[in-house]
N, C-alpha and C. Protein backbone atom coordinates (compact mmCIF):
# COMPACT_ATOMS: atom_id res chain seq x y z
N MET A 1 -77.28 -29.44 133.81
CA MET A 1 -76.23 -29.34 133.81
C MET A 1 -76.09 -28.06 132.91
N ALA A 2 -74.79 -26.85 132.88
CA ALA A 2 -74.03 -25.95 132.25
C ALA A 2 -73.43 -27.20 130.78
N ASP A 3 -73.50 -26.68 129.79
CA ASP A 3 -72.49 -27.44 128.97
C ASP A 3 -71.22 -26.39 128.32
N ILE A 4 -70.13 -27.29 128.61
CA ILE A 4 -68.81 -26.79 129.12
C ILE A 4 -68.39 -25.98 127.68
N ARG A 5 -68.52 -26.78 126.73
CA ARG A 5 -68.45 -25.38 125.95
C ARG A 5 -69.39 -25.11 125.72
N LYS A 6 -70.18 -24.20 126.12
CA LYS A 6 -70.57 -23.19 125.86
C LYS A 6 -69.60 -22.35 127.08
N ALA A 7 -69.30 -23.04 128.04
CA ALA A 7 -68.94 -22.07 128.92
C ALA A 7 -67.53 -20.81 128.24
N ALA A 8 -67.43 -19.52 129.09
CA ALA A 8 -66.56 -18.00 128.87
C ALA A 8 -65.29 -18.64 129.24
N PHE A 9 -64.24 -18.36 128.49
CA PHE A 9 -62.87 -18.24 128.20
C PHE A 9 -62.30 -17.36 130.10
N LYS A 10 -61.80 -18.33 130.94
CA LYS A 10 -60.71 -17.97 132.27
C LYS A 10 -59.72 -16.89 132.36
N GLU A 11 -59.87 -16.11 132.51
CA GLU A 11 -58.67 -14.62 132.32
C GLU A 11 -57.74 -15.39 133.84
N LYS A 12 -55.71 -16.27 133.40
CA LYS A 12 -55.96 -16.79 133.58
C LYS A 12 -53.99 -15.95 133.67
N PHE A 13 -52.75 -16.73 135.24
CA PHE A 13 -51.74 -16.53 134.84
C PHE A 13 -51.54 -17.27 134.91
N ILE A 14 -49.57 -18.03 133.70
CA ILE A 14 -50.04 -19.47 133.32
C ILE A 14 -49.77 -20.13 135.11
N LYS A 15 -49.37 -19.55 135.84
CA LYS A 15 -48.76 -20.00 137.51
C LYS A 15 -49.65 -21.10 138.16
N ASN A 16 -51.10 -20.22 137.72
CA ASN A 16 -52.86 -20.52 138.18
C ASN A 16 -53.53 -21.74 137.41
N LEU A 17 -52.68 -21.86 135.71
CA LEU A 17 -53.17 -22.96 135.75
C LEU A 17 -53.22 -24.60 135.48
N ASP A 18 -54.79 -24.99 135.53
CA ASP A 18 -54.83 -26.72 136.11
C ASP A 18 -55.62 -27.28 135.81
N PHE A 19 -55.61 -28.50 135.90
CA PHE A 19 -57.12 -29.02 134.84
C PHE A 19 -58.41 -28.69 135.09
N SER A 20 -58.49 -28.45 136.29
CA SER A 20 -59.84 -27.88 137.29
C SER A 20 -60.40 -27.03 135.70
N ASP A 21 -59.43 -26.23 134.93
CA ASP A 21 -59.92 -24.62 133.89
C ASP A 21 -60.01 -26.00 132.60
N PHE A 22 -60.89 -25.34 132.25
CA PHE A 22 -60.90 -26.29 131.00
C PHE A 22 -60.41 -25.17 129.13
N LYS A 23 -61.32 -23.68 129.19
CA LYS A 23 -61.27 -22.60 128.87
C LYS A 23 -60.90 -21.62 129.65
N VAL A 24 -59.69 -21.25 129.03
CA VAL A 24 -58.92 -20.02 129.68
C VAL A 24 -58.23 -19.53 129.19
N ALA A 25 -57.73 -17.51 129.36
CA ALA A 25 -57.32 -16.31 128.16
C ALA A 25 -56.05 -16.66 128.74
N VAL A 26 -54.90 -16.38 128.25
CA VAL A 26 -53.29 -16.03 128.98
C VAL A 26 -52.95 -15.30 128.11
N SER A 27 -52.08 -14.20 128.10
CA SER A 27 -51.52 -13.18 128.22
C SER A 27 -49.92 -13.09 128.28
N GLY A 28 -49.78 -12.83 127.37
CA GLY A 28 -47.48 -13.21 127.85
C GLY A 28 -46.95 -12.77 126.32
N VAL A 29 -45.80 -13.16 126.20
CA VAL A 29 -44.92 -12.94 125.18
C VAL A 29 -44.15 -14.30 124.85
N ILE A 30 -44.24 -13.96 123.72
CA ILE A 30 -43.63 -15.39 123.03
C ILE A 30 -42.76 -15.46 122.80
N VAL A 31 -42.07 -16.80 123.72
CA VAL A 31 -41.01 -17.08 124.48
C VAL A 31 -40.07 -17.79 122.95
N LYS A 32 -40.19 -18.74 122.52
CA LYS A 32 -39.88 -19.27 121.67
C LYS A 32 -40.82 -20.09 120.70
N ILE A 33 -40.58 -19.65 119.12
CA ILE A 33 -41.20 -20.41 118.22
C ILE A 33 -40.39 -22.40 118.17
N LEU A 34 -42.20 -23.28 118.29
CA LEU A 34 -41.56 -24.58 118.32
C LEU A 34 -42.43 -24.99 117.16
N GLU A 35 -42.61 -26.45 117.25
CA GLU A 35 -43.34 -26.99 115.83
C GLU A 35 -44.49 -27.38 116.74
N GLU A 36 -45.50 -26.68 115.76
CA GLU A 36 -46.52 -26.70 115.41
C GLU A 36 -46.85 -25.85 116.90
N GLY A 37 -46.67 -25.02 116.95
CA GLY A 37 -47.02 -24.18 118.52
C GLY A 37 -45.94 -23.02 118.91
N PHE A 38 -45.90 -23.04 120.14
CA PHE A 38 -45.03 -21.96 120.44
C PHE A 38 -44.95 -21.90 121.91
N LEU A 39 -44.04 -21.29 122.49
CA LEU A 39 -43.49 -21.33 124.87
C LEU A 39 -44.14 -19.81 124.93
N LEU A 40 -44.50 -19.93 125.20
CA LEU A 40 -45.49 -18.57 125.65
C LEU A 40 -45.41 -18.70 127.17
N GLY A 41 -44.86 -16.94 127.74
CA GLY A 41 -44.59 -16.43 129.10
C GLY A 41 -45.56 -15.22 129.82
N ASP A 42 -45.54 -15.58 130.73
CA ASP A 42 -45.92 -14.38 131.14
C ASP A 42 -45.63 -13.39 132.81
N GLY A 43 -44.78 -14.20 132.90
CA GLY A 43 -43.66 -13.45 133.68
C GLY A 43 -44.22 -14.41 135.66
N SER A 44 -44.53 -15.35 135.45
CA SER A 44 -45.87 -16.06 136.76
C SER A 44 -44.65 -17.47 136.08
N GLY A 45 -44.33 -17.75 134.73
CA GLY A 45 -44.72 -19.10 134.54
C GLY A 45 -44.31 -19.54 132.61
N GLU A 46 -44.31 -20.36 131.59
CA GLU A 46 -44.57 -21.08 130.41
C GLU A 46 -45.37 -22.05 130.55
N VAL A 47 -45.88 -21.92 128.66
CA VAL A 47 -46.77 -22.81 128.64
C VAL A 47 -46.44 -22.88 127.52
N TYR A 48 -46.86 -24.28 126.64
CA TYR A 48 -46.69 -24.14 125.21
C TYR A 48 -47.72 -24.51 124.89
N VAL A 49 -47.52 -23.87 123.77
CA VAL A 49 -49.26 -23.03 122.75
C VAL A 49 -49.31 -24.49 121.43
N ASN A 50 -50.29 -25.26 121.75
CA ASN A 50 -50.52 -25.95 120.74
C ASN A 50 -51.75 -25.19 119.00
N THR A 51 -50.51 -24.73 118.39
CA THR A 51 -51.66 -23.79 117.52
C THR A 51 -52.31 -24.91 116.17
N SER A 52 -51.40 -26.13 116.13
CA SER A 52 -51.17 -27.20 114.76
C SER A 52 -52.69 -27.17 114.13
N ARG A 53 -54.61 -27.36 115.10
CA ARG A 53 -55.51 -27.46 114.84
C ARG A 53 -56.18 -25.87 114.63
N MET A 54 -56.24 -24.83 114.71
CA MET A 54 -56.21 -24.23 114.38
C MET A 54 -56.59 -23.96 112.71
N GLU A 55 -57.55 -22.71 112.58
CA GLU A 55 -57.85 -23.25 110.46
C GLU A 55 -56.43 -22.55 110.13
N ASN A 56 -56.85 -21.28 110.90
CA ASN A 56 -55.98 -20.07 110.43
C ASN A 56 -54.98 -19.62 111.68
N GLN A 57 -53.68 -20.89 110.81
CA GLN A 57 -52.90 -20.60 112.04
C GLN A 57 -51.46 -19.34 112.10
N PRO A 58 -51.64 -18.28 113.15
CA PRO A 58 -50.87 -16.61 112.33
C PRO A 58 -49.62 -17.46 112.46
N ILE A 59 -49.37 -16.22 112.06
CA ILE A 59 -47.95 -16.16 112.09
C ILE A 59 -47.15 -15.43 113.12
N ASN A 60 -46.57 -15.84 113.82
CA ASN A 60 -46.24 -15.43 115.00
C ASN A 60 -44.59 -15.56 114.71
N LYS A 61 -44.17 -14.64 115.93
CA LYS A 61 -42.63 -14.04 115.93
C LYS A 61 -42.20 -14.59 117.43
N GLU A 62 -40.84 -14.74 118.00
CA GLU A 62 -40.39 -14.38 119.03
C GLU A 62 -40.49 -12.71 119.05
N GLN A 63 -40.47 -12.42 120.63
CA GLN A 63 -41.00 -11.47 121.41
C GLN A 63 -42.14 -10.64 121.21
N GLU A 64 -42.65 -11.12 120.19
CA GLU A 64 -44.12 -10.72 120.13
C GLU A 64 -45.17 -11.45 121.27
N ASN A 65 -46.04 -9.83 121.69
CA ASN A 65 -46.65 -10.07 122.40
C ASN A 65 -48.28 -10.76 122.22
N VAL A 66 -48.77 -11.71 123.11
CA VAL A 66 -49.78 -11.96 122.08
C VAL A 66 -51.20 -12.77 123.42
N LYS A 67 -52.45 -12.89 122.88
CA LYS A 67 -53.13 -13.13 123.83
C LYS A 67 -53.94 -14.59 123.02
N VAL A 68 -53.84 -15.60 124.11
CA VAL A 68 -54.17 -16.33 123.44
C VAL A 68 -55.22 -17.46 124.19
N PHE A 69 -56.36 -17.87 123.58
CA PHE A 69 -57.22 -18.64 124.40
C PHE A 69 -57.71 -20.07 123.58
N GLY A 70 -57.49 -20.33 124.38
CA GLY A 70 -57.47 -22.36 124.50
C GLY A 70 -58.32 -22.82 125.24
N ARG A 71 -58.09 -24.35 125.19
CA ARG A 71 -58.14 -25.15 126.11
C ARG A 71 -57.08 -26.16 126.56
N ILE A 72 -57.14 -26.31 128.35
CA ILE A 72 -56.24 -26.71 128.90
C ILE A 72 -56.59 -28.36 128.40
N THR A 73 -54.84 -29.02 128.11
CA THR A 73 -54.75 -30.28 128.18
C THR A 73 -53.88 -30.35 128.57
N PRO A 74 -53.49 -32.49 128.58
CA PRO A 74 -52.35 -33.14 129.32
C PRO A 74 -51.30 -32.89 128.24
N TYR A 75 -50.12 -32.09 128.38
CA TYR A 75 -49.20 -32.43 127.79
C TYR A 75 -47.45 -32.67 128.43
N GLU A 76 -46.96 -33.88 127.58
CA GLU A 76 -45.78 -34.63 128.66
C GLU A 76 -46.59 -34.84 129.66
N SER A 77 -45.36 -34.01 131.25
CA SER A 77 -45.63 -33.84 132.28
C SER A 77 -46.55 -32.85 133.03
N GLY A 78 -47.03 -32.64 132.12
CA GLY A 78 -47.77 -30.86 133.02
C GLY A 78 -49.53 -31.15 131.88
N ILE A 79 -49.17 -29.40 131.61
CA ILE A 79 -50.56 -29.18 131.23
C ILE A 79 -49.52 -28.02 129.14
N GLU A 80 -50.96 -28.09 128.25
CA GLU A 80 -50.49 -27.57 127.27
C GLU A 80 -51.97 -27.15 126.96
N LEU A 81 -51.51 -25.80 126.05
CA LEU A 81 -53.12 -25.02 125.67
C LEU A 81 -53.44 -25.36 124.39
N GLN A 82 -53.85 -25.59 124.35
CA GLN A 82 -54.64 -26.03 122.67
C GLN A 82 -54.99 -24.37 122.06
N ALA A 83 -54.27 -23.75 121.03
CA ALA A 83 -54.79 -22.27 120.70
C ALA A 83 -56.21 -22.85 120.08
N ASP A 84 -57.58 -21.90 120.08
CA ASP A 84 -58.34 -21.53 119.55
C ASP A 84 -58.22 -20.29 118.49
N ILE A 85 -57.65 -19.29 119.15
CA ILE A 85 -57.75 -18.01 119.03
C ILE A 85 -56.82 -17.88 119.28
N VAL A 86 -55.64 -16.51 118.52
CA VAL A 86 -54.22 -15.67 119.24
C VAL A 86 -54.67 -14.96 118.88
N ARG A 87 -54.53 -14.05 119.94
CA ARG A 87 -54.58 -12.01 119.05
C ARG A 87 -53.30 -11.34 119.74
N ASN A 88 -52.63 -10.82 118.23
CA ASN A 88 -51.30 -9.73 118.36
C ASN A 88 -51.76 -8.78 118.99
N LEU A 89 -51.40 -8.71 120.38
CA LEU A 89 -51.08 -7.28 121.39
C LEU A 89 -50.88 -6.57 121.23
N GLU A 90 -49.61 -6.26 120.38
CA GLU A 90 -48.96 -4.57 119.56
C GLU A 90 -49.81 -3.71 120.24
N GLY A 91 -49.09 -2.72 120.34
CA GLY A 91 -49.28 -1.77 121.45
C GLY A 91 -50.08 -1.72 122.62
N VAL A 92 -50.01 -3.08 122.87
CA VAL A 92 -50.65 -3.35 124.39
C VAL A 92 -50.07 -2.72 125.34
N ASP A 93 -49.90 -2.47 126.63
CA ASP A 93 -48.71 -2.13 127.58
C ASP A 93 -49.07 -2.98 128.67
N MET A 94 -47.62 -3.56 128.52
CA MET A 94 -48.03 -5.39 129.01
C MET A 94 -47.68 -5.18 130.22
N ASP A 95 -47.07 -4.24 130.72
CA ASP A 95 -46.88 -4.08 132.72
C ASP A 95 -48.89 -3.77 133.13
N ALA A 96 -49.47 -2.88 132.08
CA ALA A 96 -50.13 -2.43 132.89
C ALA A 96 -50.83 -3.39 133.14
N LEU A 97 -51.05 -4.15 131.69
CA LEU A 97 -52.31 -5.40 131.69
C LEU A 97 -51.83 -6.51 133.13
N LYS A 98 -50.88 -6.35 133.60
CA LYS A 98 -49.96 -7.66 134.63
C LYS A 98 -50.96 -6.99 135.58
N ARG A 99 -50.82 -5.58 135.70
CA ARG A 99 -51.43 -4.79 137.38
C ARG A 99 -52.17 -4.87 137.48
N ILE A 100 -53.42 -4.99 136.38
CA ILE A 100 -54.67 -4.65 135.95
C ILE A 100 -54.97 -6.20 136.24
N LYS A 101 -54.31 -7.16 135.84
CA LYS A 101 -54.73 -9.23 135.60
C LYS A 101 -54.50 -9.03 137.67
N GLU A 102 -52.95 -8.85 138.21
CA GLU A 102 -53.61 -9.18 139.79
C GLU A 102 -54.00 -8.05 140.47
N ALA A 103 -55.00 -7.35 140.62
CA ALA A 103 -55.80 -6.98 141.20
C ALA A 103 -56.93 -7.56 141.12
N PHE A 104 -57.57 -8.06 139.61
CA PHE A 104 -58.67 -8.99 139.86
C PHE A 104 -58.89 -10.11 139.60
N LEU A 105 -57.31 -11.29 139.47
CA LEU A 105 -57.24 -12.54 139.48
C LEU A 105 -57.48 -12.96 140.78
């Protein structure tokens, strides 16, 4: 049996996140900074990203484009993304990235 902890992060759109996924990568814009995390939107939906367990918490700001690598966990009536890595996507053409993802996902 494969060790799920060693599985690769699977690129997803927010609208397609569900509990059958474990490790995912999601790109989008920070919609709102919240306590212990932020709300991330990618045009298909929004998800709460919890950064409280990260050793080196990123300093992010609203409207910043980021890519989050994390794990799906239950959150209130839906899901949240427990962040392992948050990378700034400054300078990346987000429209082009979205078109590429739509073509391959």
